[in-house]
Amino acid sequence: MSFLGFLLLGLIAGAIAKAILPGKSDGGWISTLVLGIIGAMLGGWLGNVLFGAEMSRFFSIGSWALAIGGSLIVLLIWGAITRKRS
């Protein structure tokens, strides 16, 4: 997958993860992009380590599931960190 494809996947996965998680979430499109990309990388890494899955194709259901799952994990961690500070 190209770098721009990975950015787009991260942005969309981050937006879907924010829509799935209940409650008010702070941040705009830039934080969604950053957290989505981090989540997509985390999901791809976990999928590769645990299941041997690869995120090589943009239009693969497995790539999207790993990216969204990783984004959910990152958003949960980010929410726990920001709640403790405020």
PDB file of N, CA and C in Angstrom:
ATOM      1  N   MET A   1       0.848  -1.162   0.000  1.00  0.00           N
ATOM      2  CA  MET A   1       0.000   0.000   0.000  1.00  0.00           C
ATOM      3  C   MET A   1       0.898   1.230   0.000  1.00  0.00           C
ATOM      4  N   SER A   2       0.529   2.244  -0.748  1.00  0.00           N
ATOM      5  CA  SER A   2       1.338   3.453  -0.824  1.00  0.00           C
ATOM      6  C   SER A   2       1.174   4.291   0.445  1.00  0.00           C
ATOM      7  N   PHE A   3       2.054   5.251   0.602  1.00  0.00           N
ATOM      8  CA  PHE A   3       2.020   6.116   1.775  1.00  0.00           C
ATOM      9  C   PHE A   3       0.722   6.914   1.830  1.00  0.00           C
ATOM     10  N   LEU A   4       0.279   7.446   0.694  1.00  0.00           N
ATOM     11  CA  LEU A   4      -0.981   8.206   0.668  1.00  0.00           C
ATOM     12  C   LEU A   4      -2.176   7.304   0.957  1.00  0.00           C
ATOM     13  N   GLY A   5      -2.124   6.083   0.480  1.00  0.00           N
ATOM     14  CA  GLY A   5      -3.185   5.132   0.795  1.00  0.00           C
ATOM     15  C   GLY A   5      -3.236   4.824   2.278  1.00  0.00           C
ATOM     16  N   PHE A   6      -2.053   4.700   2.887  1.00  0.00           N
ATOM     17  CA  PHE A   6      -1.982   4.448   4.323  1.00  0.00           C
ATOM     18  C   PHE A   6      -2.516   5.638   5.113  1.00  0.00           C
ATOM     19  N   LEU A   7      -2.218   6.876   4.661  1.00  0.00           N
ATOM     20  CA  LEU A   7      -2.761   8.067   5.311  1.00  0.00           C
ATOM     21  C   LEU A   7      -4.282   8.109   5.219  1.00  0.00           C
ATOM     22  N   LEU A   8      -4.808   7.809   4.046  1.00  0.00           N
ATOM     23  CA  LEU A   8      -6.253   7.804   3.858  1.00  0.00           C
ATOM     24  C   LEU A   8      -6.912   6.717   4.691  1.00  0.00           C
ATOM     25  N   LEU A   9      -6.310   5.550   4.728  1.00  0.00           N
ATOM     26  CA  LEU A   9      -6.834   4.454   5.554  1.00  0.00           C
ATOM     27  C   LEU A   9      -6.836   4.853   7.024  1.00  0.00           C
ATOM     28  N   GLY A  10      -5.763   5.482   7.492  1.00  0.00           N
ATOM     29  CA  GLY A  10      -5.688   5.924   8.878  1.00  0.00           C
ATOM     30  C   GLY A  10      -6.725   6.980   9.204  1.00  0.00           C
ATOM     31  N   LEU A  11      -6.948   7.919   8.302  1.00  0.00           N
ATOM     32  CA  LEU A  11      -7.941   8.968   8.524  1.00  0.00           C
ATOM     33  C   LEU A  11      -9.339   8.383   8.615  1.00  0.00           C
ATOM     34  N   ILE A  12      -9.683   7.522   7.694  1.00  0.00           N
ATOM     35  CA  ILE A  12     -11.021   6.935   7.689  1.00  0.00           C
ATOM     36  C   ILE A  12     -11.197   5.984   8.870  1.00  0.00           C
ATOM     37  N   ALA A  13     -10.188   5.188   9.179  1.00  0.00           N
ATOM     38  CA  ALA A  13     -10.268   4.274  10.321  1.00  0.00           C
ATOM     39  C   ALA A  13     -10.396   5.046  11.628  1.00  0.00           C
ATOM     40  N   GLY A  14      -9.675   6.152  11.764  1.00  0.00           N
ATOM     41  CA  GLY A  14      -9.787   6.989  12.952  1.00  0.00           C
ATOM     42  C   GLY A  14     -11.168   7.603  13.081  1.00  0.00           C
ATOM     43  N   ALA A  15     -11.751   8.059  11.971  1.00  0.00           N
ATOM     44  CA  ALA A  15     -13.090   8.634  12.000  1.00  0.00           C
ATOM     45  C   ALA A  15     -14.133   7.573  12.361  1.00  0.00           C
ATOM     46  N   ILE A  16     -13.992   6.373  11.823  1.00  0.00           N
ATOM     47  CA  ILE A  16     -14.927   5.290  12.154  1.00  0.00           C
ATOM     48  C   ILE A  16     -14.788   4.904  13.614  1.00  0.00           C
ATOM     49  N   ALA A  17     -13.565   4.837  14.112  1.00  0.00           N
ATOM     50  CA  ALA A  17     -13.344   4.496  15.517  1.00  0.00           C
ATOM     51  C   ALA A  17     -13.939   5.556  16.442  1.00  0.00           C
ATOM     52  N   LYS A  18     -13.807   6.842  16.078  1.00  0.00           N
ATOM     53  CA  LYS A  18     -14.416   7.905  16.880  1.00  0.00           C
ATOM     54  C   LYS A  18     -15.932   7.808  16.862  1.00  0.00           C
ATOM     55  N   ALA A  19     -16.502   7.397  15.741  1.00  0.00           N
ATOM     56  CA  ALA A  19     -17.956   7.248  15.652  1.00  0.00           C
ATOM     57  C   ALA A  19     -18.439   6.047  16.461  1.00  0.00           C
ATOM     58  N   ILE A  20     -17.629   5.007  16.572  1.00  0.00           N
ATOM     59  CA  ILE A  20     -18.019   3.804  17.303  1.00  0.00           C
ATOM     60  C   ILE A  20     -17.975   4.041  18.813  1.00  0.00           C
ATOM     61  N   LEU A  21     -16.927   4.737  19.279  1.00  0.00           N
ATOM     62  CA  LEU A  21     -16.777   4.953  20.721  1.00  0.00           C
ATOM     63  C   LEU A  21     -17.801   5.966  21.225  1.00  0.00           C
ATOM     64  N   PRO A  22     -18.470   5.645  22.332  1.00  0.00           N
ATOM     65  CA  PRO A  22     -19.460   6.576  22.867  1.00  0.00           C
ATOM     66  C   PRO A  22     -18.790   7.725  23.617  1.00  0.00           C
ATOM     67  N   GLY A  23     -19.542   8.794  23.818  1.00  0.00           N
ATOM     68  CA  GLY A  23     -19.057   9.916  24.598  1.00  0.00           C
ATOM     69  C   GLY A  23     -18.425  10.989  23.741  1.00  0.00           C
ATOM     70  N   LYS A  24     -18.102  12.100  24.412  1.00  0.00           N
ATOM     71  CA  LYS A  24     -17.494  13.227  23.720  1.00  0.00           C
ATOM     72  C   LYS A  24     -16.005  12.987  23.558  1.00  0.00           C
ATOM     73  N   SER A  25     -15.529  13.153  22.359  1.00  0.00           N
ATOM     74  CA  SER A  25     -14.093  13.000  22.110  1.00  0.00           C
ATOM     75  C   SER A  25     -13.555  14.329  21.598  1.00  0.00           C
ATOM     76  N   ASP A  26     -12.468  14.763  22.187  1.00  0.00           N
ATOM     77  CA  ASP A  26     -11.852  16.022  21.795  1.00  0.00           C
ATOM     78  C   ASP A  26     -10.980  15.817  20.567  1.00  0.00           C
ATOM     79  N   GLY A  27     -10.706  16.906  19.909  1.00  0.00           N
ATOM     80  CA  GLY A  27      -9.799  16.865  18.772  1.00  0.00           C
ATOM     81  C   GLY A  27     -10.537  16.990  17.456  1.00  0.00           C
ATOM     82  N   GLY A  28      -9.812  17.451  16.478  1.00  0.00           N
ATOM     83  CA  GLY A  28     -10.372  17.632  15.149  1.00  0.00           C
ATOM     84  C   GLY A  28      -9.823  16.623  14.173  1.00  0.00           C
ATOM     85  N   TRP A  29      -9.759  17.055  12.916  1.00  0.00           N
ATOM     86  CA  TRP A  29      -9.325  16.164  11.853  1.00  0.00           C
ATOM     87  C   TRP A  29      -7.851  15.789  11.972  1.00  0.00           C
ATOM     88  N   ILE A  30      -7.041  16.703  12.467  1.00  0.00           N
ATOM     89  CA  ILE A  30      -5.614  16.395  12.581  1.00  0.00           C
ATOM     90  C   ILE A  30      -5.387  15.319  13.630  1.00  0.00           C
ATOM     91  N   SER A  31      -6.047  15.446  14.782  1.00  0.00           N
ATOM     92  CA  SER A  31      -5.886  14.405  15.805  1.00  0.00           C
ATOM     93  C   SER A  31      -6.498  13.091  15.348  1.00  0.00           C
ATOM     94  N   THR A  32      -7.594  13.159  14.592  1.00  0.00           N
ATOM     95  CA  THR A  32      -8.187  11.942  14.040  1.00  0.00           C
ATOM     96  C   THR A  32      -7.214  11.262  13.086  1.00  0.00           C
ATOM     97  N   LEU A  33      -6.552  12.052  12.248  1.00  0.00           N
ATOM     98  CA  LEU A  33      -5.576  11.509  11.306  1.00  0.00           C
ATOM     99  C   LEU A  33      -4.403  10.873  12.043  1.00  0.00           C
ATOM    100  N   VAL A  34      -3.865  11.588  13.019  1.00  0.00           N
ATOM    101  CA  VAL A  34      -2.695  11.078  13.739  1.00  0.00           C
ATOM    102  C   VAL A  34      -3.051   9.815  14.526  1.00  0.00           C
ATOM    103  N   LEU A  35      -4.150   9.862  15.284  1.00  0.00           N
ATOM    104  CA  LEU A  35      -4.547   8.690  16.061  1.00  0.00           C
ATOM    105  C   LEU A  35      -4.954   7.534  15.162  1.00  0.00           C
ATOM    106  N   GLY A  36      -5.573   7.841  14.030  1.00  0.00           N
ATOM    107  CA  GLY A  36      -5.943   6.792  13.078  1.00  0.00           C
ATOM    108  C   GLY A  36      -4.733   6.129  12.460  1.00  0.00           C
ATOM    109  N   ILE A  37      -3.716   6.912  12.113  1.00  0.00           N
ATOM    110  CA  ILE A  37      -2.498   6.335  11.534  1.00  0.00           C
ATOM    111  C   ILE A  37      -1.772   5.493  12.571  1.00  0.00           C
ATOM    112  N   ILE A  38      -1.670   6.016  13.789  1.00  0.00           N
ATOM    113  CA  ILE A  38      -1.044   5.236  14.858  1.00  0.00           C
ATOM    114  C   ILE A  38      -1.837   3.952  15.101  1.00  0.00           C
ATOM    115  N   GLY A  39      -3.165   4.057  15.104  1.00  0.00           N
ATOM    116  CA  GLY A  39      -4.008   2.880  15.292  1.00  0.00           C
ATOM    117  C   GLY A  39      -3.884   1.888  14.158  1.00  0.00           C
ATOM    118  N   ALA A  40      -3.784   2.385  12.919  1.00  0.00           N
ATOM    119  CA  ALA A  40      -3.617   1.484  11.780  1.00  0.00           C
ATOM    120  C   ALA A  40      -2.279   0.754  11.862  1.00  0.00           C
ATOM    121  N   MET A  41      -1.234   1.475  12.287  1.00  0.00           N
ATOM    122  CA  MET A  41       0.070   0.816  12.446  1.00  0.00           C
ATOM    123  C   MET A  41       0.017  -0.206  13.576  1.00  0.00           C
ATOM    124  N   LEU A  42      -0.618   0.141  14.686  1.00  0.00           N
ATOM    125  CA  LEU A  42      -0.745  -0.792  15.802  1.00  0.00           C
ATOM    126  C   LEU A  42      -1.565  -2.012  15.397  1.00  0.00           C
ATOM    127  N   GLY A  43      -2.684  -1.790  14.728  1.00  0.00           N
ATOM    128  CA  GLY A  43      -3.512  -2.903  14.273  1.00  0.00           C
ATOM    129  C   GLY A  43      -2.795  -3.799  13.295  1.00  0.00           C
ATOM    130  N   GLY A  44      -2.048  -3.202  12.358  1.00  0.00           N
ATOM    131  CA  GLY A  44      -1.281  -3.998  11.408  1.00  0.00           C
ATOM    132  C   GLY A  44      -0.189  -4.796  12.089  1.00  0.00           C
ATOM    133  N   TRP A  45       0.485  -4.180  13.047  1.00  0.00           N
ATOM    134  CA  TRP A  45       1.542  -4.887  13.770  1.00  0.00           C
ATOM    135  C   TRP A  45       0.968  -6.037  14.596  1.00  0.00           C
ATOM    136  N   LEU A  46      -0.129  -5.757  15.351  1.00  0.00           N
ATOM    137  CA  LEU A  46      -0.748  -6.816  16.152  1.00  0.00           C
ATOM    138  C   LEU A  46      -1.284  -7.940  15.280  1.00  0.00           C
ATOM    139  N   GLY A  47      -1.900  -7.580  14.149  1.00  0.00           N
ATOM    140  CA  GLY A  47      -2.415  -8.593  13.242  1.00  0.00           C
ATOM    141  C   GLY A  47      -1.311  -9.455  12.661  1.00  0.00           C
ATOM    142  N   ASN A  48      -0.169  -8.846  12.372  1.00  0.00           N
ATOM    143  CA  ASN A  48       0.957  -9.603  11.840  1.00  0.00           C
ATOM    144  C   ASN A  48       1.563 -10.504  12.906  1.00  0.00           C
ATOM    145  N   VAL A  49       1.704  -9.988  14.130  1.00  0.00           N
ATOM    146  CA  VAL A  49       2.309 -10.779  15.205  1.00  0.00           C
ATOM    147  C   VAL A  49       1.388 -11.924  15.624  1.00  0.00           C
ATOM    148  N   LEU A  50       0.107 -11.643  15.796  1.00  0.00           N
ATOM    149  CA  LEU A  50      -0.823 -12.648  16.328  1.00  0.00           C
ATOM    150  C   LEU A  50      -1.342 -13.618  15.268  1.00  0.00           C
ATOM    151  N   PHE A  51      -1.648 -13.102  14.075  1.00  0.00           N
ATOM    152  CA  PHE A  51      -2.320 -13.930  13.078  1.00  0.00           C
ATOM    153  C   PHE A  51      -1.547 -14.093  11.774  1.00  0.00           C
ATOM    154  N   GLY A  52      -0.439 -13.402  11.624  1.00  0.00           N
ATOM    155  CA  GLY A  52       0.303 -13.449  10.368  1.00  0.00           C
ATOM    156  C   GLY A  52      -0.371 -12.675   9.252  1.00  0.00           C
ATOM    157  N   ALA A  53      -1.276 -11.767   9.588  1.00  0.00           N
ATOM    158  CA  ALA A  53      -2.009 -10.976   8.593  1.00  0.00           C
ATOM    159  C   ALA A  53      -1.150  -9.815   8.118  1.00  0.00           C
ATOM    160  N   GLU A  54      -1.376  -9.391   6.887  1.00  0.00           N
ATOM    161  CA  GLU A  54      -0.651  -8.265   6.309  1.00  0.00           C
ATOM    162  C   GLU A  54      -1.619  -7.191   5.868  1.00  0.00           C
ATOM    163  N   MET A  55      -1.178  -5.939   5.939  1.00  0.00           N
ATOM    164  CA  MET A  55      -1.976  -4.808   5.468  1.00  0.00           C
ATOM    165  C   MET A  55      -1.386  -4.320   4.153  1.00  0.00           C
ATOM    166  N   SER A  56      -1.426  -5.170   3.154  1.00  0.00           N
ATOM    167  CA  SER A  56      -0.765  -4.822   1.901  1.00  0.00           C
ATOM    168  C   SER A  56      -1.721  -4.212   0.875  1.00  0.00           C
ATOM    169  N   ARG A  57      -3.015  -4.445   1.010  1.00  0.00           N
ATOM    170  CA  ARG A  57      -3.975  -3.932   0.027  1.00  0.00           C
ATOM    171  C   ARG A  57      -4.963  -2.986   0.686  1.00  0.00           C
ATOM    172  N   PHE A  58      -5.275  -1.890   0.000  1.00  0.00           N
ATOM    173  CA  PHE A  58      -6.180  -0.877   0.533  1.00  0.00           C
ATOM    174  C   PHE A  58      -7.614  -1.392   0.606  1.00  0.00           C
ATOM    175  N   PHE A  59      -8.060  -2.122  -0.396  1.00  0.00           N
ATOM    176  CA  PHE A  59      -9.450  -2.581  -0.456  1.00  0.00           C
ATOM    177  C   PHE A  59      -9.642  -3.967   0.142  1.00  0.00           C
ATOM    178  N   SER A  60      -8.860  -4.309   1.128  1.00  0.00           N
ATOM    179  CA  SER A  60      -8.974  -5.590   1.800  1.00  0.00           C
ATOM    180  C   SER A  60      -9.759  -5.414   3.105  1.00  0.00           C
ATOM    181  N   ILE A  61     -10.739  -6.274   3.331  1.00  0.00           N
ATOM    182  CA  ILE A  61     -11.522  -6.221   4.564  1.00  0.00           C
ATOM    183  C   ILE A  61     -10.622  -6.421   5.780  1.00  0.00           C
ATOM    184  N   GLY A  62      -9.643  -7.289   5.656  1.00  0.00           N
ATOM    185  CA  GLY A  62      -8.716  -7.524   6.757  1.00  0.00           C
ATOM    186  C   GLY A  62      -7.920  -6.283   7.124  1.00  0.00           C
ATOM    187  N   SER A  63      -7.471  -5.534   6.109  1.00  0.00           N
ATOM    188  CA  SER A  63      -6.738  -4.297   6.369  1.00  0.00           C
ATOM    189  C   SER A  63      -7.604  -3.292   7.111  1.00  0.00           C
ATOM    190  N   TRP A  64      -8.853  -3.165   6.680  1.00  0.00           N
ATOM    191  CA  TRP A  64      -9.770  -2.215   7.327  1.00  0.00           C
ATOM    192  C   TRP A  64     -10.101  -2.650   8.746  1.00  0.00           C
ATOM    193  N   ALA A  65     -10.317  -3.940   8.951  1.00  0.00           N
ATOM    194  CA  ALA A  65     -10.644  -4.425  10.298  1.00  0.00           C
ATOM    195  C   ALA A  65      -9.466  -4.213  11.252  1.00  0.00           C
ATOM    196  N   LEU A  66      -8.265  -4.491  10.784  1.00  0.00           N
ATOM    197  CA  LEU A  66      -7.086  -4.278  11.623  1.00  0.00           C
ATOM    198  C   LEU A  66      -6.878  -2.795  11.917  1.00  0.00           C
ATOM    199  N   ALA A  67      -7.070  -1.945  10.926  1.00  0.00           N
ATOM    200  CA  ALA A  67      -6.877  -0.507  11.125  1.00  0.00           C
ATOM    201  C   ALA A  67      -7.911   0.067  12.082  1.00  0.00           C
ATOM    202  N   ILE A  68      -9.167  -0.331  11.927  1.00  0.00           N
ATOM    203  CA  ILE A  68     -10.227   0.175  12.809  1.00  0.00           C
ATOM    204  C   ILE A  68     -10.035  -0.372  14.223  1.00  0.00           C
ATOM    205  N   GLY A  69      -9.696  -1.643  14.347  1.00  0.00           N
ATOM    206  CA  GLY A  69      -9.446  -2.220  15.668  1.00  0.00           C
ATOM    207  C   GLY A  69      -8.278  -1.552  16.369  1.00  0.00           C
ATOM    208  N   GLY A  70      -7.204  -1.313  15.643  1.00  0.00           N
ATOM    209  CA  GLY A  70      -6.061  -0.606  16.224  1.00  0.00           C
ATOM    210  C   GLY A  70      -6.405   0.818  16.607  1.00  0.00           C
ATOM    211  N   SER A  71      -7.221   1.485  15.793  1.00  0.00           N
ATOM    212  CA  SER A  71      -7.643   2.847  16.112  1.00  0.00           C
ATOM    213  C   SER A  71      -8.515   2.884  17.355  1.00  0.00           C
ATOM    214  N   LEU A  72      -9.370   1.885  17.513  1.00  0.00           N
ATOM    215  CA  LEU A  72     -10.189   1.815  18.730  1.00  0.00           C
ATOM    216  C   LEU A  72      -9.306   1.661  19.973  1.00  0.00           C
ATOM    217  N   ILE A  73      -8.291   0.822  19.872  1.00  0.00           N
ATOM    218  CA  ILE A  73      -7.378   0.629  21.002  1.00  0.00           C
ATOM    219  C   ILE A  73      -6.652   1.933  21.326  1.00  0.00           C
ATOM    220  N   VAL A  74      -6.150   2.620  20.296  1.00  0.00           N
ATOM    221  CA  VAL A  74      -5.428   3.871  20.517  1.00  0.00           C
ATOM    222  C   VAL A  74      -6.356   4.937  21.095  1.00  0.00           C
ATOM    223  N   LEU A  75      -7.586   5.020  20.606  1.00  0.00           N
ATOM    224  CA  LEU A  75      -8.523   6.010  21.140  1.00  0.00           C
ATOM    225  C   LEU A  75      -8.902   5.708  22.584  1.00  0.00           C
ATOM    226  N   LEU A  76      -9.041   4.449  22.936  1.00  0.00           N
ATOM    227  CA  LEU A  76      -9.315   4.103  24.332  1.00  0.00           C
ATOM    228  C   LEU A  76      -8.150   4.497  25.238  1.00  0.00           C
ATOM    229  N   ILE A  77      -6.932   4.234  24.794  1.00  0.00           N
ATOM    230  CA  ILE A  77      -5.756   4.612  25.572  1.00  0.00           C
ATOM    231  C   ILE A  77      -5.658   6.139  25.665  1.00  0.00           C
ATOM    232  N   TRP A  78      -5.881   6.832  24.554  1.00  0.00           N
ATOM    233  CA  TRP A  78      -5.820   8.287  24.539  1.00  0.00           C
ATOM    234  C   TRP A  78      -6.890   8.886  25.454  1.00  0.00           C
ATOM    235  N   GLY A  79      -8.084   8.320  25.449  1.00  0.00           N
ATOM    236  CA  GLY A  79      -9.149   8.793  26.332  1.00  0.00           C
ATOM    237  C   GLY A  79      -8.810   8.591  27.798  1.00  0.00           C
ATOM    238  N   ALA A  80      -8.189   7.473  28.125  1.00  0.00           N
ATOM    239  CA  ALA A  80      -7.780   7.221  29.514  1.00  0.00           C
ATOM    240  C   ALA A  80      -6.690   8.191  29.951  1.00  0.00           C
ATOM    241  N   ILE A  81      -5.779   8.528  29.065  1.00  0.00           N
ATOM    242  CA  ILE A  81      -4.698   9.463  29.398  1.00  0.00           C
ATOM    243  C   ILE A  81      -5.238  10.883  29.578  1.00  0.00           C
ATOM    244  N   THR A  82      -6.095  11.325  28.674  1.00  0.00           N
ATOM    245  CA  THR A  82      -6.597  12.695  28.746  1.00  0.00           C
ATOM    246  C   THR A  82      -7.608  12.888  29.865  1.00  0.00           C
ATOM    247  N   ARG A  83      -8.343  11.867  30.255  1.00  0.00           N
ATOM    248  CA  ARG A  83      -9.274  12.002  31.381  1.00  0.00           C
ATOM    249  C   ARG A  83      -8.543  12.174  32.702  1.00  0.00           C
ATOM    250  N   LYS A  84      -7.410  11.507  32.848  1.00  0.00           N
ATOM    251  CA  LYS A  84      -6.646  11.612  34.090  1.00  0.00           C
ATOM    252  C   LYS A  84      -6.019  12.995  34.244  1.00  0.00           C
ATOM    253  N   ARG A  85      -5.663  13.633  33.116  1.00  0.00           N
ATOM    254  CA  ARG A  85      -5.041  14.942  33.195  1.00  0.00           C
ATOM    255  C   ARG A  85      -6.038  16.047  33.498  1.00  0.00           C
ATOM    256  N   SER A  86      -7.279  15.899  33.071  1.00  0.00           N
ATOM    257  CA  SER A  86      -8.243  16.985  33.253  1.00  0.00           C
ATOM    258  C   SER A  86      -9.033  16.850  34.510  1.00  0.00           C
TER     259      SER A  86
END
